[in-house]
Structure formats: C-alpha cells, structure tokens
PDB file of all heavy atoms in Angstrom:
ATOM      1  N   GLY A   1     -14.665 152.505  23.793  1.00  0.00           N
ATOM      2  CA  GLY A   1     -14.392 151.686  22.603  1.00  0.00           C
ATOM      3  C   GLY A   1     -13.541 150.499  22.990  1.00  0.00           C
ATOM      4  O   GLY A   1     -12.386 150.676  23.400  1.00  0.00           O
ATOM      5  N   LEU A   2     -14.099 149.319  22.898  1.00  0.00           N
ATOM      6  CA  LEU A   2     -13.441 148.120  23.430  1.00  0.00           C
ATOM      7  C   LEU A   2     -12.077 147.872  22.789  1.00  0.00           C
ATOM      8  O   LEU A   2     -11.111 147.555  23.484  1.00  0.00           O
ATOM      9  CB  LEU A   2     -14.363 146.902  23.223  1.00  0.00           C
ATOM     10  CG  LEU A   2     -14.062 145.673  24.084  1.00  0.00           C
ATOM     11  CD1 LEU A   2     -14.116 146.026  25.563  1.00  0.00           C
ATOM     12  CD2 LEU A   2     -15.033 144.547  23.760  1.00  0.00           C
ATOM     13  N   LEU A   3     -11.978 148.028  21.490  1.00  0.00           N
ATOM     14  CA  LEU A   3     -10.714 147.750  20.800  1.00  0.00           C
ATOM     15  C   LEU A   3      -9.611 148.703  21.245  1.00  0.00           C
ATOM     16  O   LEU A   3      -8.499 148.276  21.587  1.00  0.00           O
ATOM     17  CB  LEU A   3     -10.923 147.859  19.287  1.00  0.00           C
ATOM     18  CG  LEU A   3      -9.662 147.630  18.425  1.00  0.00           C
ATOM     19  CD1 LEU A   3      -9.113 146.235  18.655  1.00  0.00           C
ATOM     20  CD2 LEU A   3      -9.977 147.858  16.951  1.00  0.00           C
ATOM     21  N   VAL A   4      -9.920 149.992  21.256  1.00  0.00           N
ATOM     22  CA  VAL A   4      -8.915 150.991  21.644  1.00  0.00           C
ATOM     23  C   VAL A   4      -8.540 150.850  23.115  1.00  0.00           C
ATOM     24  O   VAL A   4      -7.358 150.878  23.471  1.00  0.00           O
ATOM     25  CB  VAL A   4      -9.439 152.418  21.365  1.00  0.00           C
ATOM     26  CG1 VAL A   4      -8.492 153.465  21.950  1.00  0.00           C
ATOM     27  CG2 VAL A   4      -9.585 152.644  19.876  1.00  0.00           C
ATOM     28  N   MET A   5      -9.522 150.669  23.973  1.00  0.00           N
ATOM     29  CA  MET A   5      -9.258 150.572  25.415  1.00  0.00           C
ATOM     30  C   MET A   5      -8.445 149.329  25.747  1.00  0.00           C
ATOM     31  O   MET A   5      -7.542 149.371  26.587  1.00  0.00           O
ATOM     32  CB  MET A   5     -10.583 150.563  26.181  1.00  0.00           C
ATOM     33  CG  MET A   5     -11.371 151.861  26.080  1.00  0.00           C
ATOM     34  SD  MET A   5     -10.553 153.259  26.896  1.00  0.00           S
ATOM     35  CE  MET A   5     -10.929 152.891  28.607  1.00  0.00           C
ATOM     36  N   CYS A   6      -8.741 148.200  25.083  1.00  0.00           N
ATOM     37  CA  CYS A   6      -7.965 146.974  25.317  1.00  0.00           C
ATOM     38  C   CYS A   6      -6.532 147.139  24.811  1.00  0.00           C
ATOM     39  O   CYS A   6      -5.589 146.627  25.432  1.00  0.00           O
ATOM     40  CB  CYS A   6      -8.628 145.782  24.625  1.00  0.00           C
ATOM     41  SG  CYS A   6     -10.128 145.208  25.451  1.00  0.00           S
ATOM     42  N   SER A   7      -6.363 147.865  23.717  1.00  0.00           N
ATOM     43  CA  SER A   7      -5.016 148.124  23.197  1.00  0.00           C
ATOM     44  C   SER A   7      -4.210 148.975  24.175  1.00  0.00           C
ATOM     45  O   SER A   7      -3.023 148.707  24.424  1.00  0.00           O
ATOM     46  CB  SER A   7      -5.098 148.829  21.841  1.00  0.00           C
ATOM     47  OG  SER A   7      -5.772 148.033  20.898  1.00  0.00           O
ATOM     48  N   ILE A   8      -4.847 149.993  24.746  1.00  0.00           N
ATOM     49  CA  ILE A   8      -4.164 150.834  25.736  1.00  0.00           C
ATOM     50  C   ILE A   8      -3.857 150.022  26.991  1.00  0.00           C
ATOM     51  O   ILE A   8      -2.783 150.153  27.589  1.00  0.00           O
ATOM     52  CB  ILE A   8      -5.017 152.069  26.086  1.00  0.00           C
ATOM     53  CG1 ILE A   8      -5.216 152.946  24.846  1.00  0.00           C
ATOM     54  CG2 ILE A   8      -4.341 152.890  27.193  1.00  0.00           C
ATOM     55  CD1 ILE A   8      -6.172 154.099  25.058  1.00  0.00           C
ATOM     56  N   LEU A   9      -4.795 149.157  27.388  1.00  0.00           N
ATOM     57  CA  LEU A   9      -4.573 148.309  28.564  1.00  0.00           C
ATOM     58  C   LEU A   9      -3.387 147.381  28.352  1.00  0.00           C
ATOM     59  O   LEU A   9      -2.565 147.198  29.262  1.00  0.00           O
ATOM     60  CB  LEU A   9      -5.830 147.495  28.863  1.00  0.00           C
ATOM     61  CG  LEU A   9      -5.732 146.539  30.062  1.00  0.00           C
ATOM     62  CD1 LEU A   9      -5.472 147.308  31.353  1.00  0.00           C
ATOM     63  CD2 LEU A   9      -7.000 145.686  30.171  1.00  0.00           C
ATOM     64  N   PHE A  10      -3.286 146.806  27.171  1.00  0.00           N
ATOM     65  CA  PHE A  10      -2.135 145.949  26.849  1.00  0.00           C
ATOM     66  C   PHE A  10      -0.835 146.743  26.949  1.00  0.00           C
ATOM     67  O   PHE A  10       0.173 146.259  27.477  1.00  0.00           O
ATOM     68  CB  PHE A  10      -2.290 145.359  25.451  1.00  0.00           C
ATOM     69  CG  PHE A  10      -1.090 144.583  24.994  1.00  0.00           C
ATOM     70  CD1 PHE A  10      -0.852 143.295  25.465  1.00  0.00           C
ATOM     71  CD2 PHE A  10      -0.181 145.146  24.100  1.00  0.00           C
ATOM     72  CE1 PHE A  10       0.271 142.574  25.053  1.00  0.00           C
ATOM     73  CE2 PHE A  10       0.937 144.437  23.688  1.00  0.00           C
ATOM     74  CZ  PHE A  10       1.163 143.148  24.157  1.00  0.00           C
ATOM     75  N   THR A  11      -0.848 147.967  26.433  1.00  0.00           N
ATOM     76  CA  THR A  11       0.327 148.834  26.516  1.00  0.00           C
ATOM     77  C   THR A  11       0.688 149.130  27.964  1.00  0.00           C
ATOM     78  O   THR A  11       1.869 149.132  28.333  1.00  0.00           O
ATOM     79  CB  THR A  11       0.065 150.154  25.765  1.00  0.00           C
ATOM     80  OG1 THR A  11      -0.319 149.869  24.426  1.00  0.00           O
ATOM     81  CG2 THR A  11       1.303 151.032  25.749  1.00  0.00           C
ATOM     82  N   LEU A  12      -0.327 149.366  28.785  1.00  0.00           N
ATOM     83  CA  LEU A  12      -0.100 149.648  30.203  1.00  0.00           C
ATOM     84  C   LEU A  12       0.492 148.433  30.916  1.00  0.00           C
ATOM     85  O   LEU A  12       1.448 148.567  31.699  1.00  0.00           O
ATOM     86  CB  LEU A  12      -1.421 150.052  30.864  1.00  0.00           C
ATOM     87  CG  LEU A  12      -1.377 150.304  32.377  1.00  0.00           C
ATOM     88  CD1 LEU A  12      -0.412 151.437  32.711  1.00  0.00           C
ATOM     89  CD2 LEU A  12      -2.774 150.618  32.902  1.00  0.00           C
ATOM     90  N   ILE A  13      -0.056 147.248  30.654  1.00  0.00           N
ATOM     91  CA  ILE A  13       0.448 146.029  31.296  1.00  0.00           C
ATOM     92  C   ILE A  13       1.899 145.761  30.893  1.00  0.00           C
ATOM     93  O   ILE A  13       2.744 145.423  31.733  1.00  0.00           O
ATOM     94  CB  ILE A  13      -0.445 144.824  30.926  1.00  0.00           C
ATOM     95  CG1 ILE A  13      -1.832 144.982  31.552  1.00  0.00           C
ATOM     96  CG2 ILE A  13       0.185 143.512  31.386  1.00  0.00           C
ATOM     97  CD1 ILE A  13      -2.843 143.957  31.096  1.00  0.00           C
ATOM     98  N   LEU A  14       2.187 145.940  29.606  1.00  0.00           N
ATOM     99  CA  LEU A  14       3.560 145.765  29.123  1.00  0.00           C
ATOM    100  C   LEU A  14       4.502 146.751  29.797  1.00  0.00           C
ATOM    101  O   LEU A  14       5.610 146.383  30.231  1.00  0.00           O
ATOM    102  CB  LEU A  14       3.597 145.951  27.605  1.00  0.00           C
ATOM    103  CG  LEU A  14       4.985 145.896  26.941  1.00  0.00           C
ATOM    104  CD1 LEU A  14       5.629 144.531  27.145  1.00  0.00           C
ATOM    105  CD2 LEU A  14       4.883 146.214  25.451  1.00  0.00           C
ATOM    106  N   SER A  15       4.068 147.992  29.930  1.00  0.00           N
ATOM    107  CA  SER A  15       4.893 149.025  30.564  1.00  0.00           C
ATOM    108  C   SER A  15       5.139 148.716  32.032  1.00  0.00           C
ATOM    109  O   SER A  15       6.264 148.859  32.524  1.00  0.00           O
ATOM    110  CB  SER A  15       4.216 150.390  30.425  1.00  0.00           C
ATOM    111  OG  SER A  15       4.023 150.731  29.070  1.00  0.00           O
ATOM    112  N   ILE A  16       4.107 148.281  32.737  1.00  0.00           N
ATOM    113  CA  ILE A  16       4.258 147.947  34.155  1.00  0.00           C
ATOM    114  C   ILE A  16       5.221 146.782  34.331  1.00  0.00           C
ATOM    115  O   ILE A  16       6.042 146.771  35.256  1.00  0.00           O
ATOM    116  CB  ILE A  16       2.886 147.635  34.782  1.00  0.00           C
ATOM    117  CG1 ILE A  16       2.049 148.915  34.878  1.00  0.00           C
ATOM    118  CG2 ILE A  16       3.048 147.005  36.164  1.00  0.00           C
ATOM    119  CD1 ILE A  16       0.632 148.690  35.350  1.00  0.00           C
ATOM    120  N   ALA A  17       5.135 145.790  33.431  1.00  0.00           N
ATOM    121  CA  ALA A  17       6.058 144.649  33.498  1.00  0.00           C
ATOM    122  C   ALA A  17       7.505 145.114  33.333  1.00  0.00           C
ATOM    123  O   ALA A  17       8.407 144.666  34.061  1.00  0.00           O
ATOM    124  CB  ALA A  17       5.696 143.629  32.419  1.00  0.00           C
ATOM    125  N   ILE A  18       7.740 146.021  32.381  1.00  0.00           N
ATOM    126  CA  ILE A  18       9.084 146.562  32.172  1.00  0.00           C
ATOM    127  C   ILE A  18       9.547 147.347  33.394  1.00  0.00           C
ATOM    128  O   ILE A  18      10.691 147.204  33.849  1.00  0.00           O
ATOM    129  CB  ILE A  18       9.111 147.464  30.917  1.00  0.00           C
ATOM    130  CG1 ILE A  18       8.864 146.641  29.655  1.00  0.00           C
ATOM    131  CG2 ILE A  18      10.449 148.209  30.803  1.00  0.00           C
ATOM    132  CD1 ILE A  18       8.663 147.478  28.411  1.00  0.00           C
ATOM    133  N   ILE A  19       8.660 148.173  33.938  1.00  0.00           N
ATOM    134  CA  ILE A  19       9.007 149.004  35.096  1.00  0.00           C
ATOM    135  C   ILE A  19       9.378 148.144  36.294  1.00  0.00           C
ATOM    136  O   ILE A  19      10.409 148.376  36.948  1.00  0.00           O
ATOM    137  CB  ILE A  19       7.834 149.939  35.453  1.00  0.00           C
ATOM    138  CG1 ILE A  19       7.628 150.984  34.348  1.00  0.00           C
ATOM    139  CG2 ILE A  19       8.079 150.632  36.792  1.00  0.00           C
ATOM    140  CD1 ILE A  19       6.314 151.736  34.447  1.00  0.00           C
ATOM    141  N   VAL A  20       8.565 147.137  36.588  1.00  0.00           N
ATOM    142  CA  VAL A  20       8.826 146.268  37.743  1.00  0.00           C
ATOM    143  C   VAL A  20      10.147 145.534  37.579  1.00  0.00           C
ATOM    144  O   VAL A  20      10.973 145.474  38.510  1.00  0.00           O
ATOM    145  CB  VAL A  20       7.671 145.260  37.928  1.00  0.00           C
ATOM    146  CG1 VAL A  20       8.039 144.207  38.977  1.00  0.00           C
ATOM    147  CG2 VAL A  20       6.393 145.972  38.338  1.00  0.00           C
ATOM    148  N   GLU A  21      10.390 144.991  36.384  1.00  0.00           N
ATOM    149  CA  GLU A  21      11.633 144.255  36.135  1.00  0.00           C
ATOM    150  C   GLU A  21      12.849 145.168  36.280  1.00  0.00           C
ATOM    151  O   GLU A  21      13.848 144.810  36.908  1.00  0.00           O
ATOM    152  CB  GLU A  21      11.579 143.649  34.729  1.00  0.00           C
ATOM    153  CG  GLU A  21      12.744 142.721  34.395  1.00  0.00           C
ATOM    154  CD  GLU A  21      13.934 143.419  33.776  1.00  0.00           C
ATOM    155  OE1 GLU A  21      13.753 144.548  33.238  1.00  0.00           O
ATOM    156  OE2 GLU A  21      15.053 142.868  33.827  1.00  0.00           O
ATOM    157  N   ARG A  22      12.760 146.378  35.725  1.00  0.00           N
ATOM    158  CA  ARG A  22      13.879 147.317  35.792  1.00  0.00           C
ATOM    159  C   ARG A  22      14.137 147.809  37.210  1.00  0.00           C
ATOM    160  O   ARG A  22      15.283 147.953  37.631  1.00  0.00           O
ATOM    161  CB  ARG A  22      13.624 148.514  34.874  1.00  0.00           C
ATOM    162  CG  ARG A  22      13.704 148.230  33.394  1.00  0.00           C
ATOM    163  CD  ARG A  22      15.141 148.019  32.926  1.00  0.00           C
ATOM    164  NE  ARG A  22      15.607 146.657  33.099  1.00  0.00           N
ATOM    165  CZ  ARG A  22      16.866 146.278  33.019  1.00  0.00           C
ATOM    166  NH1 ARG A  22      17.814 147.168  32.796  1.00  0.00           N
ATOM    167  NH2 ARG A  22      17.209 145.028  33.170  1.00  0.00           N
ATOM    168  N   VAL A  23      13.077 148.073  37.946  1.00  0.00           N
ATOM    169  CA  VAL A  23      13.230 148.537  39.335  1.00  0.00           C
ATOM    170  C   VAL A  23      13.914 147.468  40.172  1.00  0.00           C
ATOM    171  O   VAL A  23      14.850 147.754  40.940  1.00  0.00           O
ATOM    172  CB  VAL A  23      11.861 148.916  39.935  1.00  0.00           C
ATOM    173  CG1 VAL A  23      11.967 149.068  41.449  1.00  0.00           C
ATOM    174  CG2 VAL A  23      11.344 150.212  39.315  1.00  0.00           C
ATOM    175  N   ILE A  24      13.473 146.226  40.037  1.00  0.00           N
ATOM    176  CA  ILE A  24      14.078 145.127  40.794  1.00  0.00           C
ATOM    177  C   ILE A  24      15.549 144.976  40.429  1.00  0.00           C
ATOM    178  O   ILE A  24      16.412 144.848  41.302  1.00  0.00           O
ATOM    179  CB  ILE A  24      13.314 143.811  40.539  1.00  0.00           C
ATOM    180  CG1 ILE A  24      11.911 143.890  41.141  1.00  0.00           C
ATOM    181  CG2 ILE A  24      14.075 142.622  41.128  1.00  0.00           C
ATOM    182  CD1 ILE A  24      11.023 142.712  40.813  1.00  0.00           C
ATOM    183  N   ARG A  25      15.835 144.989  39.133  1.00  0.00           N
ATOM    184  CA  ARG A  25      17.217 144.827  38.686  1.00  0.00           C
ATOM    185  C   ARG A  25      18.111 145.968  39.155  1.00  0.00           C
ATOM    186  O   ARG A  25      19.200 145.742  39.709  1.00  0.00           O
ATOM    187  CB  ARG A  25      17.256 144.749  37.154  1.00  0.00           C
ATOM    188  CG  ARG A  25      16.595 143.529  36.572  1.00  0.00           C
ATOM    189  CD  ARG A  25      17.454 142.311  36.674  1.00  0.00           C
ATOM    190  NE  ARG A  25      16.862 141.175  36.000  1.00  0.00           N
ATOM    191  CZ  ARG A  25      17.372 139.960  35.986  1.00  0.00           C
ATOM    192  NH1 ARG A  25      18.514 139.721  36.617  1.00  0.00           N
ATOM    193  NH2 ARG A  25      16.773 138.975  35.352  1.00  0.00           N
ATOM    194  N   MET A  26      17.667 147.193  38.923  1.00  0.00           N
ATOM    195  CA  MET A  26      18.534 148.345  39.200  1.00  0.00           C
ATOM    196  C   MET A  26      18.730 148.593  40.686  1.00  0.00           C
ATOM    197  O   MET A  26      19.816 148.959  41.124  1.00  0.00           O
ATOM    198  CB  MET A  26      17.979 149.591  38.513  1.00  0.00           C
ATOM    199  CG  MET A  26      18.126 149.570  37.011  1.00  0.00           C
ATOM    200  SD  MET A  26      17.752 151.195  36.292  1.00  0.00           S
ATOM    201  CE  MET A  26      17.864 150.825  34.540  1.00  0.00           C
ATOM    202  N   TRP A  27      17.679 148.443  41.474  1.00  0.00           N
ATOM    203  CA  TRP A  27      17.778 148.783  42.897  1.00  0.00           C
ATOM    204  C   TRP A  27      18.282 147.634  43.759  1.00  0.00           C
ATOM    205  O   TRP A  27      18.887 147.892  44.797  1.00  0.00           O
ATOM    206  CB  TRP A  27      16.436 149.278  43.414  1.00  0.00           C
ATOM    207  CG  TRP A  27      16.268 150.759  43.311  1.00  0.00           C
ATOM    208  CD1 TRP A  27      16.547 151.686  44.286  1.00  0.00           C
ATOM    209  CD2 TRP A  27      15.805 151.507  42.182  1.00  0.00           C
ATOM    210  NE1 TRP A  27      16.279 152.948  43.831  1.00  0.00           N
ATOM    211  CE2 TRP A  27      15.819 152.881  42.539  1.00  0.00           C
ATOM    212  CE3 TRP A  27      15.367 151.158  40.906  1.00  0.00           C
ATOM    213  CZ2 TRP A  27      15.414 153.879  41.667  1.00  0.00           C
ATOM    214  CZ3 TRP A  27      14.968 152.155  40.040  1.00  0.00           C
ATOM    215  CH2 TRP A  27      14.994 153.494  40.417  1.00  0.00           C
ATOM    216  N   THR A  28      18.034 146.389  43.365  1.00  0.00           N
ATOM    217  CA  THR A  28      18.402 145.268  44.234  1.00  0.00           C
ATOM    218  C   THR A  28      19.513 144.387  43.674  1.00  0.00           C
ATOM    219  O   THR A  28      20.110 143.610  44.425  1.00  0.00           O
ATOM    220  CB  THR A  28      17.180 144.378  44.535  1.00  0.00           C
ATOM    221  OG1 THR A  28      16.729 143.748  43.320  1.00  0.00           O
ATOM    222  CG2 THR A  28      16.035 145.195  45.105  1.00  0.00           C
ATOM    223  N   HIS A  29      19.799 144.491  42.362  1.00  0.00           N
ATOM    224  CA  HIS A  29      20.828 143.642  41.768  1.00  0.00           C
ATOM    225  C   HIS A  29      22.042 144.437  41.300  1.00  0.00           C
ATOM    226  O   HIS A  29      23.164 144.145  41.707  1.00  0.00           O
ATOM    227  CB  HIS A  29      20.252 142.849  40.582  1.00  0.00           C
ATOM    228  CG  HIS A  29      19.285 141.782  40.982  1.00  0.00           C
ATOM    229  ND1 HIS A  29      17.999 142.057  41.389  1.00  0.00           N
ATOM    230  CD2 HIS A  29      19.403 140.427  41.038  1.00  0.00           C
ATOM    231  CE1 HIS A  29      17.373 140.927  41.676  1.00  0.00           C
ATOM    232  NE2 HIS A  29      18.203 139.935  41.468  1.00  0.00           N
ATOM    233  N   TYR A  30      21.818 145.419  40.439  1.00  0.00           N
ATOM    234  CA  TYR A  30      22.926 146.098  39.777  1.00  0.00           C
ATOM    235  C   TYR A  30      23.587 147.168  40.630  1.00  0.00           C
ATOM    236  O   TYR A  30      24.799 147.368  40.540  1.00  0.00           O
ATOM    237  CB  TYR A  30      22.436 146.744  38.474  1.00  0.00           C
ATOM    238  CG  TYR A  30      21.909 145.762  37.454  1.00  0.00           C
ATOM    239  CD1 TYR A  30      20.975 146.148  36.501  1.00  0.00           C
ATOM    240  CD2 TYR A  30      22.340 144.433  37.445  1.00  0.00           C
ATOM    241  CE1 TYR A  30      20.494 145.258  35.550  1.00  0.00           C
ATOM    242  CE2 TYR A  30      21.858 143.534  36.516  1.00  0.00           C
ATOM    243  CZ  TYR A  30      20.931 143.944  35.568  1.00  0.00           C
ATOM    244  OH  TYR A  30      20.456 143.065  34.638  1.00  0.00           O
ATOM    245  N   ASP A  31      22.817 147.873  41.439  1.00  0.00           N
ATOM    246  CA  ASP A  31      23.363 148.996  42.201  1.00  0.00           C
ATOM    247  C   ASP A  31      24.118 148.508  43.435  1.00  0.00           C
ATOM    248  O   ASP A  31      23.787 147.468  44.016  1.00  0.00           O
ATOM    249  CB  ASP A  31      22.232 149.934  42.631  1.00  0.00           C
ATOM    250  CG  ASP A  31      22.767 151.235  43.208  1.00  0.00           C
ATOM    251  OD1 ASP A  31      23.876 151.652  42.819  1.00  0.00           O
ATOM    252  OD2 ASP A  31      22.083 151.839  44.058  1.00  0.00           O
ATOM    253  N   LEU A  32      25.117 149.262  43.830  1.00  0.00           N
ATOM    254  CA  LEU A  32      25.861 148.991  45.061  1.00  0.00           C
ATOM    255  C   LEU A  32      25.784 150.242  45.913  1.00  0.00           C
ATOM    256  O   LEU A  32      26.504 151.210  45.692  1.00  0.00           O
ATOM    257  CB  LEU A  32      27.318 148.634  44.740  1.00  0.00           C
ATOM    258  CG  LEU A  32      28.165 148.138  45.918  1.00  0.00           C
ATOM    259  CD1 LEU A  32      27.616 146.833  46.482  1.00  0.00           C
ATOM    260  CD2 LEU A  32      29.611 147.945  45.486  1.00  0.00           C
ATOM    261  N   SER A  33      24.889 150.214  46.894  1.00  0.00           N
ATOM    262  CA  SER A  33      24.614 151.417  47.688  1.00  0.00           C
ATOM    263  C   SER A  33      25.819 151.858  48.523  1.00  0.00           C
ATOM    264  O   SER A  33      26.015 153.038  48.770  1.00  0.00           O
ATOM    265  CB  SER A  33      23.406 151.170  48.601  1.00  0.00           C
ATOM    266  OG  SER A  33      23.634 150.054  49.438  1.00  0.00           O
ATOM    267  N   ASN A  34      26.623 150.886  48.968  1.00  0.00           N
ATOM    268  CA  ASN A  34      27.793 151.225  49.785  1.00  0.00           C
ATOM    269  C   ASN A  34      29.070 151.138  48.952  1.00  0.00           C
ATOM    270  O   ASN A  34      30.066 150.543  49.362  1.00  0.00           O
ATOM    271  CB  ASN A  34      27.883 150.297  50.995  1.00  0.00           C
ATOM    272  CG  ASN A  34      27.959 148.824  50.606  1.00  0.00           C
ATOM    273  OD1 ASN A  34      27.555 148.461  49.497  1.00  0.00           O
ATOM    274  ND2 ASN A  34      28.476 147.992  51.485  1.00  0.00           N
ATOM    275  N   SER A  35      29.040 151.747  47.775  1.00  0.00           N
ATOM    276  CA  SER A  35      30.182 151.655  46.860  1.00  0.00           C
ATOM    277  C   SER A  35      31.447 152.301  47.432  1.00  0.00           C
ATOM    278  O   SER A  35      32.551 151.809  47.203  1.00  0.00           O
ATOM    279  CB  SER A  35      29.832 152.308  45.517  1.00  0.00           C
ATOM    280  OG  SER A  35      29.473 153.666  45.692  1.00  0.00           O
ATOM    281  N   LYS A  36      31.279 153.376  48.192  1.00  0.00           N
ATOM    282  CA  LYS A  36      32.457 154.037  48.785  1.00  0.00           C
ATOM    283  C   LYS A  36      33.128 153.138  49.815  1.00  0.00           C
ATOM    284  O   LYS A  36      34.361 153.051  49.874  1.00  0.00           O
ATOM    285  CB  LYS A  36      32.045 155.369  49.413  1.00  0.00           C
ATOM    286  CG  LYS A  36      31.648 156.428  48.389  1.00  0.00           C
ATOM    287  CD  LYS A  36      31.350 157.751  49.050  1.00  0.00           C
ATOM    288  CE  LYS A  36      30.987 158.816  48.003  1.00  0.00           C
ATOM    289  NZ  LYS A  36      30.684 160.114  48.624  1.00  0.00           N
ATOM    290  N   GLU A  37      32.307 152.467  50.610  1.00  0.00           N
ATOM    291  CA  GLU A  37      32.852 151.525  51.592  1.00  0.00           C
ATOM    292  C   GLU A  37      33.553 150.358  50.887  1.00  0.00           C
ATOM    293  O   GLU A  37      34.625 149.912  51.300  1.00  0.00           O
ATOM    294  CB  GLU A  37      31.717 150.999  52.474  1.00  0.00           C
ATOM    295  CG  GLU A  37      32.159 150.002  53.529  1.00  0.00           C
ATOM    296  CD  GLU A  37      30.988 149.469  54.333  1.00  0.00           C
ATOM    297  OE1 GLU A  37      29.932 150.127  54.354  1.00  0.00           O
ATOM    298  OE2 GLU A  37      31.136 148.390  54.935  1.00  0.00           O
ATOM    299  N   PHE A  38      32.928 149.880  49.822  1.00  0.00           N
ATOM    300  CA  PHE A  38      33.518 148.792  49.039  1.00  0.00           C
ATOM    301  C   PHE A  38      34.865 149.199  48.460  1.00  0.00           C
ATOM    302  O   PHE A  38      35.848 148.447  48.550  1.00  0.00           O
ATOM    303  CB  PHE A  38      32.549 148.398  47.920  1.00  0.00           C
ATOM    304  CG  PHE A  38      33.155 147.553  46.845  1.00  0.00           C
ATOM    305  CD1 PHE A  38      33.441 146.211  47.070  1.00  0.00           C
ATOM    306  CD2 PHE A  38      33.449 148.104  45.599  1.00  0.00           C
ATOM    307  CE1 PHE A  38      34.011 145.430  46.059  1.00  0.00           C
ATOM    308  CE2 PHE A  38      34.012 147.330  44.599  1.00  0.00           C
ATOM    309  CZ  PHE A  38      34.295 145.999  44.826  1.00  0.00           C
ATOM    310  N   MET A  39      34.926 150.396  47.872  1.00  0.00           N
ATOM    311  CA  MET A  39      36.181 150.855  47.288  1.00  0.00           C
ATOM    312  C   MET A  39      37.240 151.128  48.346  1.00  0.00           C
ATOM    313  O   MET A  39      38.441 151.013  48.088  1.00  0.00           O
ATOM    314  CB  MET A  39      35.927 152.106  46.450  1.00  0.00           C
ATOM    315  CG  MET A  39      35.257 151.834  45.113  1.00  0.00           C
ATOM    316  SD  MET A  39      36.134 150.643  44.068  1.00  0.00           S
ATOM    317  CE  MET A  39      37.682 151.497  43.769  1.00  0.00           C
ATOM    318  N   GLY A  40      36.790 151.479  49.556  1.00  0.00           N
ATOM    319  CA  GLY A  40      37.739 151.644  50.656  1.00  0.00           C
ATOM    320  C   GLY A  40      38.429 150.325  50.965  1.00  0.00           C
ATOM    321  O   GLY A  40      39.648 150.288  51.221  1.00  0.00           O
TER     322      GLY A  40
END
C-alpha cells in the first residue's frame, strides 16, 4: 500500500536522522572519555 509504506518510510528517515544526530553529539561532542584523567 503506497500511502502506508511511504508514511512508514518517512517515519524511518526521521528516526535515522535523529539517531545519527544524537550519536554524533553524544559520542563525539558531549562525552568526555578520559574524564578521570581530566579530573585528576
């Protein structure tokens, strides 16, 4: 069903966009992997 499948596809694309943005932000911007060294 073209209408339903396109709606699900839109939902999937939106979700992937959110996932990619959050992964980049959390793992490469917000997180500090060497926090113990920093606090030292």
